[in-house]
């Protein structure tokens, strides 16, 4: 489990550094339980599925995307992905925080238009300088 969490953190950091948004879709659709012919405890199975779906949620949330899990109709989700990736602004800035020990930086984006919807990553992490 620790290896998975470490790998998940590294994938997320790499995606954010590359300005990549992850839209995760669980192709299983609505998951009610194990197949009838499987000799698996129902609660253990549902815990496994929840953990897998949580991984998709974390990848999506931390990169500014969304996760479509436990649903059969993906029409609304695919429409939203199309809307988010069709028209967007990319904003860049230089941080005024000189403290290199504060690796994780929160991001807050505000707009003045009342009808504008803003989706963005909640934070980013500074890269460790090469050679350290």
N, C-alpha and C. Protein backbone atom coordinates (compact mmCIF):
# COMPACT_ATOMS: atom_id res chain seq x y z
N UNK A 1 0.83 -1.20 0.00
CA UNK A 1 0.00 0.00 0.00
C UNK A 1 0.86 1.26 0.00
N UNK A 2 1.96 1.23 0.76
CA UNK A 2 2.85 2.39 0.83
C UNK A 2 3.47 2.68 -0.52
N UNK A 3 3.83 1.60 -1.26
CA UNK A 3 4.40 1.79 -2.60
C UNK A 3 3.38 2.45 -3.53
N UNK A 4 2.13 2.03 -3.43
CA UNK A 4 1.07 2.62 -4.26
C UNK A 4 0.93 4.10 -3.95
N UNK A 5 0.91 4.45 -2.67
CA UNK A 5 0.76 5.85 -2.29
C UNK A 5 1.96 6.68 -2.78
N UNK A 6 3.15 6.13 -2.68
CA UNK A 6 4.34 6.82 -3.16
C UNK A 6 4.28 7.02 -4.67
N UNK A 7 3.89 5.97 -5.39
CA UNK A 7 3.77 6.06 -6.85
C UNK A 7 2.69 7.06 -7.24
N UNK A 8 1.57 7.03 -6.53
CA UNK A 8 0.48 7.96 -6.80
C UNK A 8 0.93 9.40 -6.61
N UNK A 9 1.67 9.65 -5.54
CA UNK A 9 2.17 11.01 -5.27
C UNK A 9 3.13 11.45 -6.37
N UNK A 10 4.01 10.56 -6.83
CA UNK A 10 4.97 10.92 -7.87
C UNK A 10 4.27 11.17 -9.21
N UNK A 11 3.29 10.34 -9.55
CA UNK A 11 2.53 10.56 -10.79
C UNK A 11 1.81 11.90 -10.74
N UNK A 12 1.21 12.19 -9.61
CA UNK A 12 0.49 13.46 -9.45
C UNK A 12 1.44 14.64 -9.58
N UNK A 13 2.59 14.59 -8.91
CA UNK A 13 3.57 15.69 -9.02
C UNK A 13 4.04 15.87 -10.46
N UNK A 14 4.32 14.76 -11.13
CA UNK A 14 4.78 14.85 -12.52
C UNK A 14 3.69 15.45 -13.42
N UNK A 15 2.45 15.06 -13.20
CA UNK A 15 1.35 15.60 -14.01
C UNK A 15 1.20 17.10 -13.79
N UNK A 16 1.27 17.53 -12.54
CA UNK A 16 1.14 18.96 -12.24
C UNK A 16 2.29 19.74 -12.85
N UNK A 17 3.53 19.21 -12.74
CA UNK A 17 4.68 19.90 -13.34
C UNK A 17 4.54 20.02 -14.86
N UNK A 18 3.91 19.02 -15.46
CA UNK A 18 3.73 19.03 -16.92
C UNK A 18 2.44 19.73 -17.34
N UNK A 19 1.76 20.34 -16.38
CA UNK A 19 0.49 21.02 -16.64
C UNK A 19 -0.53 20.06 -17.28
N UNK A 20 -0.62 18.87 -16.74
CA UNK A 20 -1.51 17.84 -17.26
C UNK A 20 -2.67 17.63 -16.30
N UNK A 21 -3.86 17.73 -16.82
CA UNK A 21 -5.06 17.46 -16.04
C UNK A 21 -5.49 16.03 -16.31
N UNK A 22 -5.80 15.29 -15.25
CA UNK A 22 -6.20 13.90 -15.42
C UNK A 22 -7.70 13.77 -15.22
N UNK A 23 -8.35 13.22 -16.24
CA UNK A 23 -9.77 12.89 -16.18
C UNK A 23 -9.84 11.37 -16.12
N UNK A 24 -10.20 10.82 -14.97
CA UNK A 24 -10.18 9.38 -14.76
C UNK A 24 -11.57 8.81 -14.91
N UNK A 25 -11.68 7.76 -15.69
CA UNK A 25 -12.96 7.09 -15.91
C UNK A 25 -12.82 5.62 -15.54
N UNK A 26 -13.66 5.18 -14.63
CA UNK A 26 -13.67 3.76 -14.25
C UNK A 26 -14.60 3.05 -15.22
N UNK A 27 -14.05 2.21 -16.12
CA UNK A 27 -14.88 1.58 -17.15
C UNK A 27 -15.83 0.51 -16.63
N UNK A 28 -15.71 0.15 -15.35
CA UNK A 28 -16.61 -0.87 -14.79
C UNK A 28 -18.03 -0.35 -14.63
N UNK A 29 -18.19 0.96 -14.60
CA UNK A 29 -19.52 1.51 -14.38
C UNK A 29 -19.96 1.32 -12.95
N UNK A 30 -21.26 1.19 -12.75
CA UNK A 30 -21.84 1.02 -11.41
C UNK A 30 -21.45 -0.36 -10.88
N UNK A 31 -20.81 -0.37 -9.74
CA UNK A 31 -20.34 -1.63 -9.14
C UNK A 31 -21.21 -1.94 -7.93
N UNK A 32 -21.97 -3.04 -8.01
CA UNK A 32 -22.87 -3.41 -6.93
C UNK A 32 -22.27 -4.48 -6.02
N UNK A 33 -21.40 -5.30 -6.56
CA UNK A 33 -20.80 -6.37 -5.77
C UNK A 33 -20.08 -7.34 -6.68
N UNK A 34 -19.49 -8.37 -6.10
CA UNK A 34 -18.77 -9.36 -6.91
C UNK A 34 -19.75 -10.19 -7.75
N UNK A 35 -19.23 -10.80 -8.81
CA UNK A 35 -20.05 -11.70 -9.61
C UNK A 35 -20.53 -12.84 -8.72
N UNK A 36 -21.68 -13.40 -9.04
CA UNK A 36 -22.27 -14.46 -8.21
C UNK A 36 -21.37 -15.68 -8.11
N UNK A 37 -20.61 -15.97 -9.16
CA UNK A 37 -19.76 -17.17 -9.14
C UNK A 37 -18.41 -16.93 -8.44
N UNK A 38 -18.14 -15.68 -8.03
CA UNK A 38 -16.91 -15.39 -7.30
C UNK A 38 -17.11 -15.69 -5.82
N UNK A 39 -16.16 -16.38 -5.23
CA UNK A 39 -16.23 -16.70 -3.80
C UNK A 39 -15.44 -15.65 -3.03
N UNK A 40 -15.98 -14.42 -3.01
CA UNK A 40 -15.33 -13.29 -2.36
C UNK A 40 -16.32 -12.65 -1.39
N UNK A 41 -15.81 -12.29 -0.22
CA UNK A 41 -16.65 -11.59 0.74
C UNK A 41 -17.10 -10.26 0.15
N UNK A 42 -18.38 -9.99 0.21
CA UNK A 42 -18.95 -8.78 -0.41
C UNK A 42 -18.31 -7.51 0.13
N UNK A 43 -18.13 -7.42 1.45
CA UNK A 43 -17.56 -6.20 2.04
C UNK A 43 -16.09 -6.01 1.65
N UNK A 44 -15.33 -7.10 1.60
CA UNK A 44 -13.93 -7.00 1.16
C UNK A 44 -13.87 -6.53 -0.29
N UNK A 45 -14.76 -7.05 -1.12
CA UNK A 45 -14.81 -6.66 -2.53
C UNK A 45 -15.13 -5.17 -2.66
N UNK A 46 -16.14 -4.72 -1.92
CA UNK A 46 -16.54 -3.31 -2.01
C UNK A 46 -15.44 -2.40 -1.47
N UNK A 47 -14.70 -2.83 -0.44
CA UNK A 47 -13.56 -2.05 0.06
C UNK A 47 -12.48 -1.93 -1.00
N UNK A 48 -12.21 -3.03 -1.70
CA UNK A 48 -11.21 -3.01 -2.78
C UNK A 48 -11.63 -2.04 -3.89
N UNK A 49 -12.89 -2.11 -4.29
CA UNK A 49 -13.40 -1.21 -5.33
C UNK A 49 -13.30 0.24 -4.88
N UNK A 50 -13.69 0.51 -3.64
CA UNK A 50 -13.63 1.88 -3.11
C UNK A 50 -12.19 2.41 -3.11
N UNK A 51 -11.24 1.57 -2.71
CA UNK A 51 -9.83 1.98 -2.73
C UNK A 51 -9.36 2.29 -4.15
N UNK A 52 -9.76 1.46 -5.10
CA UNK A 52 -9.38 1.70 -6.49
C UNK A 52 -10.00 3.00 -7.00
N UNK A 53 -11.26 3.23 -6.67
CA UNK A 53 -11.92 4.45 -7.11
C UNK A 53 -11.36 5.68 -6.41
N UNK A 54 -10.96 5.53 -5.16
CA UNK A 54 -10.33 6.65 -4.45
C UNK A 54 -9.02 7.04 -5.12
N UNK A 55 -8.28 6.08 -5.62
CA UNK A 55 -7.05 6.37 -6.35
C UNK A 55 -7.36 7.23 -7.58
N UNK A 56 -8.41 6.87 -8.31
CA UNK A 56 -8.81 7.67 -9.48
C UNK A 56 -9.24 9.07 -9.06
N UNK A 57 -9.96 9.16 -7.96
CA UNK A 57 -10.41 10.47 -7.45
C UNK A 57 -9.22 11.35 -7.07
N UNK A 58 -8.24 10.78 -6.39
CA UNK A 58 -7.06 11.55 -5.97
C UNK A 58 -6.31 12.07 -7.19
N UNK A 59 -6.06 11.20 -8.16
CA UNK A 59 -5.37 11.63 -9.38
C UNK A 59 -6.10 12.78 -10.05
N UNK A 60 -7.40 12.67 -10.15
CA UNK A 60 -8.19 13.71 -10.79
C UNK A 60 -8.21 14.99 -9.96
N UNK A 61 -8.51 14.87 -8.69
CA UNK A 61 -8.63 16.06 -7.82
C UNK A 61 -7.34 16.86 -7.76
N UNK A 62 -6.22 16.18 -7.59
CA UNK A 62 -4.96 16.89 -7.41
C UNK A 62 -4.39 17.47 -8.70
N UNK A 63 -4.96 17.09 -9.83
CA UNK A 63 -4.50 17.66 -11.10
C UNK A 63 -5.54 18.59 -11.73
N UNK A 64 -6.62 18.85 -11.01
CA UNK A 64 -7.64 19.75 -11.51
C UNK A 64 -8.67 19.10 -12.41
N UNK A 65 -8.69 17.80 -12.48
CA UNK A 65 -9.65 17.09 -13.33
C UNK A 65 -10.83 16.57 -12.54
N UNK A 66 -11.43 15.50 -13.05
CA UNK A 66 -12.54 14.87 -12.35
C UNK A 66 -12.50 13.38 -12.59
N UNK A 67 -13.12 12.66 -11.67
CA UNK A 67 -13.18 11.20 -11.77
C UNK A 67 -14.62 10.76 -11.97
N UNK A 68 -14.84 9.94 -12.97
CA UNK A 68 -16.16 9.36 -13.21
C UNK A 68 -16.11 7.93 -12.71
N UNK A 69 -16.67 7.71 -11.53
CA UNK A 69 -16.65 6.38 -10.93
C UNK A 69 -18.06 6.01 -10.48
N UNK A 70 -18.30 4.71 -10.48
CA UNK A 70 -19.56 4.16 -9.99
C UNK A 70 -20.78 4.75 -10.68
N UNK A 71 -20.70 4.87 -11.99
CA UNK A 71 -21.84 5.35 -12.77
C UNK A 71 -21.84 4.69 -14.14
N UNK A 72 -23.03 4.48 -14.67
CA UNK A 72 -23.17 3.83 -15.96
C UNK A 72 -23.33 4.81 -17.10
N UNK A 73 -23.91 5.97 -16.84
CA UNK A 73 -24.13 6.96 -17.89
C UNK A 73 -23.03 8.01 -17.84
N UNK A 74 -22.14 7.97 -18.81
CA UNK A 74 -21.00 8.89 -18.83
C UNK A 74 -21.25 10.12 -19.69
N UNK A 75 -22.45 10.28 -20.19
CA UNK A 75 -22.76 11.39 -21.08
C UNK A 75 -22.46 12.73 -20.43
N UNK A 76 -22.95 12.95 -19.22
CA UNK A 76 -22.73 14.22 -18.53
C UNK A 76 -21.24 14.44 -18.26
N UNK A 77 -20.55 13.40 -17.83
CA UNK A 77 -19.12 13.51 -17.56
C UNK A 77 -18.33 13.84 -18.82
N UNK A 78 -18.61 13.15 -19.90
CA UNK A 78 -17.89 13.40 -21.15
C UNK A 78 -18.18 14.80 -21.69
N UNK A 79 -19.41 15.28 -21.50
CA UNK A 79 -19.75 16.66 -21.89
C UNK A 79 -18.91 17.66 -21.10
N UNK A 80 -18.81 17.42 -19.78
CA UNK A 80 -18.03 18.33 -18.93
C UNK A 80 -16.55 18.31 -19.33
N UNK A 81 -16.01 17.14 -19.60
CA UNK A 81 -14.61 17.05 -20.03
C UNK A 81 -14.42 17.82 -21.33
N UNK A 82 -15.34 17.68 -22.25
CA UNK A 82 -15.27 18.41 -23.52
C UNK A 82 -15.32 19.92 -23.28
N UNK A 83 -16.22 20.36 -22.41
CA UNK A 83 -16.33 21.80 -22.10
C UNK A 83 -15.04 22.33 -21.48
N UNK A 84 -14.48 21.57 -20.53
CA UNK A 84 -13.28 22.02 -19.84
C UNK A 84 -12.05 22.04 -20.73
N UNK A 85 -12.01 21.16 -21.70
CA UNK A 85 -10.81 21.09 -22.54
C UNK A 85 -10.95 21.83 -23.86
N UNK A 86 -12.13 22.35 -24.15
CA UNK A 86 -12.34 23.07 -25.40
C UNK A 86 -11.96 24.54 -25.29
N UNK A 87 -12.35 25.18 -24.21
CA UNK A 87 -12.07 26.60 -23.99
C UNK A 87 -11.47 26.77 -22.61
N UNK A 88 -10.29 27.35 -22.57
CA UNK A 88 -9.66 27.55 -21.27
C UNK A 88 -8.59 28.63 -21.38
N UNK A 89 -8.22 29.14 -20.23
CA UNK A 89 -7.11 30.08 -20.12
C UNK A 89 -6.01 29.40 -19.33
N UNK A 90 -4.80 29.65 -19.69
CA UNK A 90 -3.65 29.15 -18.95
C UNK A 90 -2.98 30.34 -18.31
N UNK A 91 -2.92 30.33 -16.99
CA UNK A 91 -2.36 31.46 -16.25
C UNK A 91 -1.03 31.03 -15.64
N UNK A 92 -0.02 31.84 -15.82
CA UNK A 92 1.28 31.58 -15.23
C UNK A 92 1.66 32.73 -14.32
N UNK A 93 2.49 32.44 -13.33
CA UNK A 93 2.93 33.49 -12.43
C UNK A 93 4.21 33.05 -11.76
N UNK A 94 4.88 33.96 -11.15
CA UNK A 94 6.06 33.68 -10.34
C UNK A 94 5.68 33.92 -8.88
N UNK A 95 5.95 32.95 -8.05
CA UNK A 95 5.61 33.07 -6.63
C UNK A 95 6.49 34.12 -5.97
N UNK A 96 5.90 34.83 -5.03
CA UNK A 96 6.66 35.82 -4.26
C UNK A 96 7.14 35.22 -2.94
N UNK A 97 6.88 33.95 -2.73
CA UNK A 97 7.29 33.27 -1.51
C UNK A 97 8.72 32.76 -1.67
N UNK A 98 9.70 33.37 -1.00
CA UNK A 98 11.09 32.96 -1.18
C UNK A 98 11.51 31.75 -0.34
N UNK A 99 10.62 31.25 0.51
CA UNK A 99 10.98 30.18 1.44
C UNK A 99 11.06 28.82 0.72
N UNK A 100 12.26 28.28 0.48
CA UNK A 100 12.39 27.01 -0.23
C UNK A 100 11.98 25.80 0.62
N UNK A 101 11.81 25.99 1.92
CA UNK A 101 11.39 24.86 2.77
C UNK A 101 9.90 24.59 2.66
N UNK A 102 9.16 25.55 2.18
CA UNK A 102 7.72 25.36 1.98
C UNK A 102 7.51 24.82 0.57
N UNK A 103 7.60 23.49 0.44
CA UNK A 103 7.54 22.84 -0.87
C UNK A 103 6.14 22.90 -1.48
N UNK A 104 5.12 22.71 -0.64
CA UNK A 104 3.74 22.70 -1.14
C UNK A 104 3.17 24.11 -1.07
N UNK A 105 2.65 24.58 -2.19
CA UNK A 105 2.07 25.92 -2.28
C UNK A 105 0.61 25.82 -2.70
N UNK A 106 -0.27 26.44 -1.95
CA UNK A 106 -1.69 26.46 -2.30
C UNK A 106 -1.94 27.48 -3.39
N UNK A 107 -2.95 27.22 -4.19
CA UNK A 107 -3.32 28.12 -5.29
C UNK A 107 -4.76 28.56 -5.08
N UNK A 108 -4.99 29.85 -5.22
CA UNK A 108 -6.35 30.39 -5.15
C UNK A 108 -6.54 31.30 -6.37
N UNK A 109 -7.59 31.07 -7.11
CA UNK A 109 -7.89 31.86 -8.30
C UNK A 109 -9.23 32.55 -8.09
N UNK A 110 -9.25 33.87 -8.27
CA UNK A 110 -10.49 34.63 -8.13
C UNK A 110 -10.76 35.37 -9.44
N UNK A 111 -12.03 35.47 -9.79
CA UNK A 111 -12.44 36.22 -10.96
C UNK A 111 -13.55 37.19 -10.57
N UNK A 112 -13.70 38.24 -11.34
CA UNK A 112 -14.71 39.25 -11.02
C UNK A 112 -16.07 38.97 -11.67
N UNK A 113 -16.07 38.17 -12.75
CA UNK A 113 -17.34 37.87 -13.41
C UNK A 113 -18.17 36.91 -12.58
N UNK A 114 -19.41 37.28 -12.23
CA UNK A 114 -20.22 36.41 -11.37
C UNK A 114 -20.65 35.11 -12.05
N UNK A 115 -20.70 35.09 -13.38
CA UNK A 115 -21.16 33.88 -14.07
C UNK A 115 -20.02 32.98 -14.52
N UNK A 116 -18.78 33.33 -14.19
CA UNK A 116 -17.62 32.53 -14.61
C UNK A 116 -17.43 31.35 -13.64
N UNK A 117 -17.08 30.23 -14.21
CA UNK A 117 -16.76 29.05 -13.42
C UNK A 117 -15.26 28.82 -13.51
N UNK A 118 -14.63 28.62 -12.38
CA UNK A 118 -13.18 28.44 -12.34
C UNK A 118 -12.85 27.07 -11.78
N UNK A 119 -12.10 26.28 -12.55
CA UNK A 119 -11.56 25.01 -12.08
C UNK A 119 -10.06 25.14 -12.13
N UNK A 120 -9.41 24.76 -11.05
CA UNK A 120 -7.95 24.83 -11.01
C UNK A 120 -7.41 23.83 -10.02
N UNK A 121 -6.12 23.59 -10.11
CA UNK A 121 -5.47 22.71 -9.15
C UNK A 121 -5.47 23.40 -7.79
N UNK A 122 -5.59 22.63 -6.71
CA UNK A 122 -5.59 23.26 -5.39
C UNK A 122 -4.20 23.68 -4.91
N UNK A 123 -3.15 23.08 -5.50
CA UNK A 123 -1.81 23.40 -5.04
C UNK A 123 -0.78 22.90 -6.04
N UNK A 124 0.48 23.22 -5.77
CA UNK A 124 1.58 22.65 -6.52
C UNK A 124 2.74 22.43 -5.56
N UNK A 125 3.68 21.61 -5.97
CA UNK A 125 4.82 21.27 -5.13
C UNK A 125 6.10 21.68 -5.85
N UNK A 126 6.98 22.36 -5.13
CA UNK A 126 8.27 22.73 -5.70
C UNK A 126 9.10 21.50 -5.99
N UNK A 127 9.86 21.55 -7.07
CA UNK A 127 10.77 20.46 -7.39
C UNK A 127 12.01 20.56 -6.51
N UNK A 128 12.54 19.43 -6.17
CA UNK A 128 13.79 19.42 -5.43
C UNK A 128 14.91 19.69 -6.43
N UNK A 129 15.78 20.66 -6.15
CA UNK A 129 16.87 20.94 -7.08
C UNK A 129 17.73 19.71 -7.35
N UNK A 130 18.20 19.59 -8.58
CA UNK A 130 19.03 18.44 -8.97
C UNK A 130 20.32 18.46 -8.13
N UNK A 131 20.72 17.29 -7.67
CA UNK A 131 21.93 17.19 -6.89
C UNK A 131 21.70 17.23 -5.39
N UNK A 132 20.46 17.28 -4.98
CA UNK A 132 20.16 17.31 -3.52
C UNK A 132 19.48 16.05 -3.12
